N, C-alpha and C. Protein backbone atom coordinates (compact mmCIF):
# COMPACT_ATOMS: atom_id res chain seq x y z
N UNK A 1 11.98 16.73 -25.03
CA UNK A 1 12.14 15.90 -24.26
C UNK A 1 10.52 15.89 -23.44
N UNK A 2 9.82 15.15 -23.11
CA UNK A 2 8.45 15.47 -22.47
C UNK A 2 8.69 15.90 -20.96
N UNK A 3 7.83 16.76 -20.56
CA UNK A 3 7.79 17.00 -19.32
C UNK A 3 7.80 15.91 -18.34
N UNK A 4 8.40 15.84 -17.01
CA UNK A 4 8.20 14.84 -15.93
C UNK A 4 6.82 14.99 -15.63
N UNK A 5 6.03 13.59 -15.42
CA UNK A 5 4.68 13.60 -14.97
C UNK A 5 4.89 14.53 -13.49
N UNK A 6 3.46 14.93 -13.26
CA UNK A 6 3.30 15.54 -12.00
C UNK A 6 2.88 14.29 -10.98
N UNK A 7 3.40 14.53 -9.94
CA UNK A 7 2.82 13.55 -8.79
C UNK A 7 1.51 13.67 -8.29
N UNK A 8 0.48 12.68 -8.57
CA UNK A 8 -0.65 12.71 -7.91
C UNK A 8 -1.18 11.99 -6.70
N UNK A 9 -0.28 11.28 -6.17
CA UNK A 9 -0.58 10.66 -5.29
C UNK A 9 -0.90 11.64 -4.04
N UNK A 10 -1.85 11.51 -3.00
CA UNK A 10 -2.27 12.10 -2.10
C UNK A 10 -1.37 11.98 -0.69
N UNK A 11 -0.89 10.61 -0.61
CA UNK A 11 -0.11 9.99 0.56
C UNK A 11 1.26 9.64 0.34
N UNK A 12 2.41 9.81 0.87
CA UNK A 12 3.64 9.35 0.67
C UNK A 12 3.79 7.71 0.50
N UNK A 13 4.70 6.83 -0.05
CA UNK A 13 4.75 5.72 -0.29
C UNK A 13 5.82 5.17 0.36
N UNK A 14 5.56 4.33 1.00
CA UNK A 14 6.76 3.56 1.78
C UNK A 14 7.84 2.87 0.67
N UNK A 15 9.02 3.06 0.82
CA UNK A 15 10.02 2.31 -0.11
C UNK A 15 10.27 0.96 -0.32
N UNK A 16 9.68 0.24 0.68
CA UNK A 16 10.22 -1.04 0.81
C UNK A 16 8.80 -1.85 1.03
N UNK A 17 8.75 -3.01 0.36
CA UNK A 17 7.70 -3.70 0.50
C UNK A 17 7.53 -4.60 1.82
N UNK A 18 7.04 -3.93 2.97
CA UNK A 18 7.26 -4.65 4.39
C UNK A 18 5.89 -5.33 4.71
N UNK A 19 4.84 -5.31 3.91
CA UNK A 19 3.62 -5.68 4.37
C UNK A 19 2.97 -6.64 3.51
N UNK A 20 2.49 -8.07 4.05
CA UNK A 20 1.93 -8.67 3.04
C UNK A 20 0.47 -8.68 3.37
N UNK A 21 -0.36 -8.77 2.30
CA UNK A 21 -1.76 -8.73 2.37
C UNK A 21 -2.49 -9.98 1.74
N UNK A 22 -3.94 -10.22 2.15
CA UNK A 22 -4.76 -11.47 1.82
C UNK A 22 -5.75 -11.05 1.12
N UNK A 23 -5.86 -11.38 -0.21
CA UNK A 23 -7.36 -11.20 -1.07
C UNK A 23 -7.81 -12.69 -1.41
N UNK A 24 -9.04 -12.86 -1.02
CA UNK A 24 -9.41 -14.33 -1.53
C UNK A 24 -8.59 -15.35 -1.14
N UNK A 25 -8.04 -15.14 0.21
CA UNK A 25 -7.24 -16.51 0.82
C UNK A 25 -6.08 -16.65 0.28
N UNK A 26 -5.50 -15.84 -0.93
CA UNK A 26 -4.17 -15.56 -1.08
C UNK A 26 -3.39 -14.48 -0.58
N UNK A 27 -1.97 -14.78 -0.12
CA UNK A 27 -1.21 -13.68 0.23
C UNK A 27 -0.36 -12.90 -0.89
N UNK A 28 -0.12 -12.05 -0.91
CA UNK A 28 0.50 -11.04 -1.82
C UNK A 28 1.26 -9.96 -0.99
N UNK A 29 2.57 -9.46 -1.72
CA UNK A 29 3.35 -8.70 -1.15
C UNK A 29 3.06 -7.28 -1.80
N UNK A 30 3.10 -6.19 -1.19
CA UNK A 30 3.09 -4.99 -1.38
C UNK A 30 4.26 -4.06 -1.92
N UNK A 31 4.06 -2.94 -2.62
CA UNK A 31 4.93 -2.09 -2.70
C UNK A 31 4.56 -0.88 -2.95
N UNK A 32 5.09 0.52 -2.85
CA UNK A 32 4.40 1.85 -2.95
C UNK A 32 3.33 1.81 -1.84
N UNK A 33 3.62 1.32 -0.80
CA UNK A 33 2.63 1.25 0.23
C UNK A 33 2.46 2.48 0.83
N UNK A 34 0.77 2.95 1.03
CA UNK A 34 0.69 4.09 1.66
C UNK A 34 -0.75 3.89 2.72
N UNK A 35 -1.06 4.91 3.51
CA UNK A 35 -2.23 4.75 4.33
C UNK A 35 -3.27 4.56 3.12
N UNK A 36 -3.23 5.30 1.93
CA UNK A 36 -4.19 5.27 1.13
C UNK A 36 -4.60 4.39 -0.07
N UNK A 37 -3.20 3.57 -0.10
CA UNK A 37 -3.47 2.32 -1.09
C UNK A 37 -2.14 1.71 -1.27
N UNK A 38 -1.77 0.90 -2.23
CA UNK A 38 -0.77 0.13 -2.34
C UNK A 38 -0.81 -0.57 -3.87
N UNK A 39 0.43 -1.09 -4.05
CA UNK A 39 0.63 -1.77 -5.51
C UNK A 39 0.93 -3.19 -4.95
N UNK A 40 -0.10 -4.15 -5.42
CA UNK A 40 0.04 -5.64 -4.79
C UNK A 40 0.54 -6.21 -6.04
N UNK A 41 1.57 -7.06 -5.72
CA UNK A 41 2.57 -7.75 -6.51
C UNK A 41 2.18 -8.92 -6.38
N UNK A 42 2.39 -9.76 -7.84
CA UNK A 42 2.19 -11.36 -7.84
C UNK A 42 0.73 -11.60 -8.10
N UNK A 43 0.08 -10.47 -8.30
CA UNK A 43 -1.53 -10.85 -8.52
C UNK A 43 -1.97 -11.19 -9.96
N UNK A 44 -2.64 -12.56 -10.05
CA UNK A 44 -2.77 -12.92 -11.36
C UNK A 44 -4.46 -13.52 -11.52
N UNK A 45 -5.18 -12.55 -10.77
CA UNK A 45 -6.56 -12.73 -10.82
C UNK A 45 -7.37 -12.10 -11.75
N UNK A 46 -8.75 -12.09 -11.71
CA UNK A 46 -9.52 -11.44 -12.75
C UNK A 46 -10.03 -10.28 -12.43
N UNK A 47 -9.57 -9.45 -11.24
CA UNK A 47 -9.97 -8.09 -10.95
C UNK A 47 -9.25 -7.08 -12.14
N UNK A 48 -10.30 -6.06 -12.37
CA UNK A 48 -9.57 -5.13 -13.34
C UNK A 48 -10.04 -3.71 -12.82
N UNK A 49 -9.49 -2.71 -13.28
CA UNK A 49 -9.96 -1.01 -12.94
C UNK A 49 -11.54 -0.97 -12.69
N UNK A 50 -11.58 -0.57 -11.28
CA UNK A 50 -13.13 -0.26 -11.08
C UNK A 50 -13.56 -1.39 -10.16
N UNK A 51 -12.76 -2.67 -10.08
CA UNK A 51 -13.57 -3.73 -9.08
C UNK A 51 -13.40 -3.38 -7.76
N UNK A 52 -14.36 -3.94 -7.07
CA UNK A 52 -14.15 -3.71 -5.38
C UNK A 52 -13.70 -5.01 -4.94
N UNK A 53 -12.84 -4.86 -3.80
CA UNK A 53 -12.23 -6.18 -3.13
C UNK A 53 -12.46 -5.79 -1.76
N UNK A 54 -12.15 -6.80 -0.93
CA UNK A 54 -11.73 -6.54 0.54
C UNK A 54 -10.49 -7.29 0.90
N UNK A 55 -9.80 -6.71 1.51
CA UNK A 55 -8.27 -7.56 2.17
C UNK A 55 -8.62 -7.64 3.49
N UNK A 56 -8.55 -9.07 3.48
CA UNK A 56 -8.83 -9.96 4.90
C UNK A 56 -7.87 -9.76 6.03
N UNK A 57 -6.43 -9.98 5.69
CA UNK A 57 -5.46 -9.92 6.67
C UNK A 57 -4.23 -9.29 6.06
N UNK A 58 -3.27 -8.84 7.16
CA UNK A 58 -2.32 -8.16 7.01
C UNK A 58 -1.21 -8.73 7.59
N UNK A 59 -0.01 -9.10 7.20
CA UNK A 59 1.12 -9.37 8.08
C UNK A 59 2.13 -8.09 8.26
N UNK A 60 2.08 -7.75 9.65
CA UNK A 60 2.72 -6.60 9.80
C UNK A 60 4.35 -6.96 9.81
N UNK A 61 5.26 -5.56 9.67
CA UNK A 61 6.46 -5.62 9.65
C UNK A 61 7.49 -6.65 10.23
N UNK A 62 6.79 -7.15 11.63
CA UNK A 62 7.37 -7.89 12.47
C UNK A 62 6.91 -9.46 12.32
N UNK A 63 6.07 -9.92 11.33
CA UNK A 63 5.36 -10.89 10.94
C UNK A 63 4.28 -11.33 11.62
N UNK A 64 3.73 -10.42 12.42
CA UNK A 64 2.37 -10.75 12.99
C UNK A 64 1.32 -10.99 11.96
N UNK A 65 0.57 -11.78 12.06
CA UNK A 65 -0.59 -12.04 10.88
C UNK A 65 -2.10 -11.40 11.75
N UNK A 66 -2.52 -10.41 11.47
CA UNK A 66 -3.82 -9.90 11.55
C UNK A 66 -4.93 -9.90 10.87
N UNK A 67 -6.34 -10.42 11.22
CA UNK A 67 -7.33 -10.48 10.51
C UNK A 67 -7.61 -8.80 10.48
N UNK A 68 -8.13 -8.37 9.32
CA UNK A 68 -8.47 -6.85 9.01
C UNK A 68 -9.64 -6.82 8.04
N UNK A 69 -10.16 -5.66 8.13
CA UNK A 69 -11.32 -5.45 6.87
C UNK A 69 -10.69 -4.27 6.16
N UNK A 70 -10.45 -4.21 5.14
CA UNK A 70 -10.26 -3.32 4.38
C UNK A 70 -10.69 -3.18 2.98
N UNK A 71 -11.84 -2.25 2.80
CA UNK A 71 -12.45 -2.02 1.59
C UNK A 71 -11.56 -1.36 0.46
N UNK A 72 -11.55 -2.13 -0.71
CA UNK A 72 -10.63 -1.49 -1.70
C UNK A 72 -11.36 -1.21 -3.20
N UNK A 73 -10.75 -0.25 -3.93
CA UNK A 73 -11.15 -0.56 -5.23
C UNK A 73 -9.90 -0.16 -6.24
N UNK A 74 -9.88 -1.35 -7.14
CA UNK A 74 -8.81 -1.59 -8.11
C UNK A 74 -8.58 -0.34 -8.85
N UNK A 75 -7.43 0.44 -9.04
CA UNK A 75 -7.50 1.43 -9.91
C UNK A 75 -6.82 1.47 -11.41
N UNK A 76 -5.84 0.68 -11.07
CA UNK A 76 -5.01 0.00 -12.22
C UNK A 76 -4.75 -1.38 -12.11
N UNK A 77 -4.97 -2.27 -13.24
CA UNK A 77 -4.56 -3.58 -13.52
C UNK A 77 -3.40 -3.72 -14.29
N UNK A 78 -2.35 -4.63 -14.18
CA UNK A 78 -0.95 -4.62 -14.83
C UNK A 78 -1.04 -6.36 -15.01
N UNK A 79 -1.90 -6.80 -15.92
CA UNK A 79 -1.98 -8.41 -15.80
C UNK A 79 -0.53 -8.98 -16.33
N UNK A 80 0.02 -8.28 -17.16
CA UNK A 80 1.26 -8.72 -17.65
C UNK A 80 2.56 -8.55 -16.82
N UNK A 81 2.30 -8.05 -15.83
CA UNK A 81 3.14 -7.39 -14.73
C UNK A 81 3.00 -8.17 -13.48
N UNK A 82 1.71 -8.83 -13.81
CA UNK A 82 1.29 -9.63 -12.55
C UNK A 82 1.26 -8.74 -11.56
N UNK A 83 0.61 -7.58 -11.18
CA UNK A 83 0.30 -6.82 -10.29
C UNK A 83 -0.62 -5.71 -10.45
N UNK A 84 -1.63 -5.13 -9.48
CA UNK A 84 -2.47 -4.35 -9.69
C UNK A 84 -2.27 -2.89 -8.63
N UNK A 85 -2.82 -1.95 -8.81
CA UNK A 85 -3.06 -0.86 -7.67
C UNK A 85 -4.31 -0.62 -7.41
N UNK A 86 -4.37 -0.68 -5.91
CA UNK A 86 -5.46 -0.57 -5.15
C UNK A 86 -6.00 0.77 -4.39
N UNK A 87 -6.77 1.32 -4.38
CA UNK A 87 -6.95 2.55 -3.30
C UNK A 87 -7.51 1.89 -1.98
N UNK A 88 -7.51 2.50 -0.92
CA UNK A 88 -8.23 1.93 0.42
C UNK A 88 -9.49 2.67 0.33
N UNK A 89 -10.64 2.38 0.40
CA UNK A 89 -11.83 2.94 0.61
C UNK A 89 -12.36 3.33 2.16
N UNK A 90 -11.92 2.24 2.94
CA UNK A 90 -12.43 2.16 4.29
C UNK A 90 -11.53 0.93 4.97
N UNK A 91 -10.78 1.74 6.25
CA UNK A 91 -10.03 0.68 7.06
C UNK A 91 -10.45 0.54 8.21
N UNK A 92 -10.35 -0.51 8.72
CA UNK A 92 -10.84 -0.86 10.22
C UNK A 92 -9.48 -0.58 11.00
N UNK A 93 -10.02 -0.46 12.49
CA UNK A 93 -8.68 0.18 13.34
C UNK A 93 -7.54 -0.55 13.20
N UNK A 94 -7.75 -1.90 13.07
CA UNK A 94 -6.43 -2.85 13.21
C UNK A 94 -5.43 -2.31 12.17
N UNK A 95 -6.37 -2.40 11.12
CA UNK A 95 -5.40 -2.00 9.57
C UNK A 95 -4.82 -0.89 9.65
N UNK A 96 -5.66 0.17 10.15
CA UNK A 96 -5.00 1.59 10.03
C UNK A 96 -3.88 1.64 11.03
N UNK A 97 -3.99 1.07 12.30
CA UNK A 97 -2.76 0.88 13.15
C UNK A 97 -1.62 0.20 12.55
N UNK A 98 -1.74 -0.87 11.91
CA UNK A 98 -0.50 -1.34 11.15
C UNK A 98 -0.04 -0.43 10.25
N UNK A 99 -1.06 -0.05 9.48
CA UNK A 99 -0.29 0.74 8.29
C UNK A 99 0.22 1.92 8.66
N UNK A 100 -0.21 2.70 9.75
CA UNK A 100 0.71 3.70 10.57
C UNK A 100 2.08 3.19 11.17
N UNK A 101 1.99 2.14 11.66
CA UNK A 101 3.14 1.63 12.17
C UNK A 101 4.22 1.59 11.02
N UNK A 102 3.72 0.87 9.95
CA UNK A 102 4.68 0.54 8.94
C UNK A 102 5.28 1.99 8.06
N UNK A 103 4.32 3.25 8.01
CA UNK A 103 4.60 4.32 7.80
C UNK A 103 5.82 5.14 8.68
N UNK A 104 5.50 4.85 9.85
CA UNK A 104 6.38 5.16 11.15
C UNK A 104 7.90 4.67 10.84
N UNK A 105 7.94 3.30 10.43
CA UNK A 105 9.13 2.48 10.56
C UNK A 105 9.80 3.19 9.29
N UNK A 106 9.08 3.41 8.37
CA UNK A 106 9.63 3.95 7.09
C UNK A 106 10.65 5.27 7.25
N UNK A 107 10.22 6.29 8.25
CA UNK A 107 10.86 7.22 8.36
C UNK A 107 11.74 7.26 9.68
N UNK A 108 11.81 6.20 10.37
CA UNK A 108 12.84 6.25 11.55
C UNK A 108 14.33 6.54 10.95
N UNK A 109 14.83 7.21 11.99
CA UNK A 109 16.19 7.57 11.78
C UNK A 109 16.49 8.72 10.84
N UNK A 110 15.22 9.11 10.30
CA UNK A 110 15.65 10.32 9.38
C UNK A 110 15.62 11.52 10.57
N UNK A 111 16.42 12.52 10.00
CA UNK A 111 16.60 13.68 10.94
C UNK A 111 16.28 15.07 10.05
N UNK A 112 15.78 16.02 10.96
CA UNK A 112 15.43 17.32 10.22
C UNK A 112 16.81 18.11 9.94
N UNK A 113 16.64 18.64 8.69
CA UNK A 113 17.88 19.89 8.27
C UNK A 113 17.87 20.95 8.83
N UNK A 114 18.81 21.55 9.31
CA UNK A 114 18.77 22.90 10.08
C UNK A 114 18.17 24.13 8.88
N UNK A 115 17.10 24.70 9.62
CA UNK A 115 16.57 25.96 8.77
C UNK A 115 17.66 26.73 8.00
N UNK A 116 17.39 27.04 6.85
CA UNK A 116 18.03 27.92 6.27
C UNK A 116 18.19 29.34 6.84
N UNK A 117 19.44 29.92 6.77
CA UNK A 117 19.31 31.34 7.40
C UNK A 117 19.35 32.19 6.31
N UNK A 118 18.85 33.21 6.59
CA UNK A 118 18.87 34.39 5.53
C UNK A 118 20.15 35.28 5.41
C-alpha cells in the first residue's frame, strides 16, 4: 500500500466554498481556500500551469462584492474537471481583509481542548 501523501500546503484550507472571485469578467466559486491560494471551480478558460492572472473582484461570505487586485499564478490546471489551482502572489488590502475574515469564520465555534496532564 502506498504511503499517504505528505501535506505540502503552507496555509490551512477552508472547508466550504464561501467566496466567489472574478477573473476576466467571469465569476467562479472557490474551494480549498486559504490566504495563500485557492482551487477555482468551473473554470473553462485557456490558462495553464505557470500562467499569470489577476483576480479583480471577490464576493465576501456576506454577499458583498468588492473590487480587488490579487496577482496569481496557476499552479495546476484540470481542464477535464473544469478547475484550476492558483497561488496568490500579491494581495491588496481589501482582498487580504476579505480572506482573513473568511478564515476567521471557518474557525468560529471551535474550542480549545484541555491540555493533556502528565
